[in-house]
Amino acid sequence: MHCFALWRILRYEMNENLSLGRIGGIHVGLNWSLLVIAALIAWSLATGILPLSAPGQPSSAYWVAGVVAAVVYLASLLAHELAHSMVAMRRGVRVEGITLWLFGGVSRFASETSSPGSQALIIFVGPLTSLVLGAVFYLLSIAVGGGAQSGLLPVTLAWLGYLNLVLGVFNLVPAFPLDGGRLLQSLIWLRTGDRVRATSVAARVGMVFAYLLIAYGLATFIFAGNLIGGVWAVFLGWFLLSAARSEEAAGLLRQALSGTTVADVMTPNPVQAPDDTTVENALHGYVLASRHSTFPTHDAGGRLSGLLTMAALKNVAPDARETTLIKQIICPLDSVSTARPADPITNLLGISEGCSEGRTLVVEDGRLVGIISPSDISRLVQRSLAGRSRAPVPSA
């Protein structure tokens, strides 16, 4: 499953365990859970699907085909997410990166679309990519000899085609937070002009679908005795239910924070540290001399270069502090979230922590003017929700 801009509060976006570098300027990483899925795919193909569909081959051939197919399938997941991210970038949305994990992939965006049309386009290209890949794999399987007595290669290609088609169709189910649910939200948003209402309706449709999936999983286990299929459906339904509820809460939170800008929340003019000083000097000259634990850094030319965090400082051995420059341990600028003072604060609600520990640097005309920490966002959310709960209810 591929979810677009998943909500951070419930953290059903998975943390990145391994960086795969950048593709088209977009950072790509994966979570260890994806390796479990890849292993299961390879095992299922090598021990069950391929021997039944293309008998007569040695066991090693099935395993090679299974492993290669698993890798190609993961590449298909990445293509789906890259389609989301690349179109988003062309539409002016800032892309934080892509993380591949247990349910496929997550495209993380540092800002939101301003129109339902742009959002719909960004969303639709993902399933469209999966459907096109499915058709291509099917055509390739036919071209290399698919038929009643297919060989190992045509069968493997046909399986990849089938899985990508299923992936594309499943993502078009109109249930939040699947891509189809996002398309439903875009349609309602377009017709009503109310994004919050559109989010609420789409999220509730997603909850209904999740309950149905859970019921199907229980029925599959109880009446058909299919333990693996039943448990998987229940687990997937539970995940979708949690995600849909979180999306509905996120919509209400965005409404509560509407009109609040980054400038309203940031700590202005934060203390900066030169990145050519040593860790020892940074500890005594900045950390111990200040109430802050995180410091933006600048290079010899005064240009913003990154962010120094306590976690990075603690990782330096005491006997290496006098010889280690902080430029060697800072979170580099391209890995730190940045914003402009006039940006809506809701743009920062989905920022992942990463090496910057959730901090956002506020920059205007190339100059650092402020910094925002997760605790700043948390206090703002608490005040906003408390204000809504104390708001008088209008009389009829």
Foldseek 3Di string as FASTA:
>chain_A
DEFEAFFPPVDPPDDFDAWPQDDPNATEGEDPQLVVVLVVQLCCQLPPVLCVQANDDDSVVSNVLSNVLSVVLLVLLVVLLVLLVVLCVVQVWAWQHKYQHNVRIYTHTLFDHPALVSQLNSLLRNLVSLQVQLVVLQVVLVVVPDDNNGHRSSSSSNVSSVVSNVVSVVLLPCAPRRSVVSNQLSVVCVVPVQSLVSLLVRLVRNLVVLVVQLVVLVCCCPPVVPPVSSVVSNVVSVVSNVRSVSSNVLSVLCVLQPPAFQLNQWDWDFDEAEQQAFLVCCCVVPVVVDPDAKHFYAYPVRATFAMQGNVQSVVDDPVCRRPHGNSVRGHGPSNAAEEERGHRPSSLSSDDCPRVHSKYFYDDPRHTTGIHHVVSVVVVSVVSVVVVVPDDDDDD
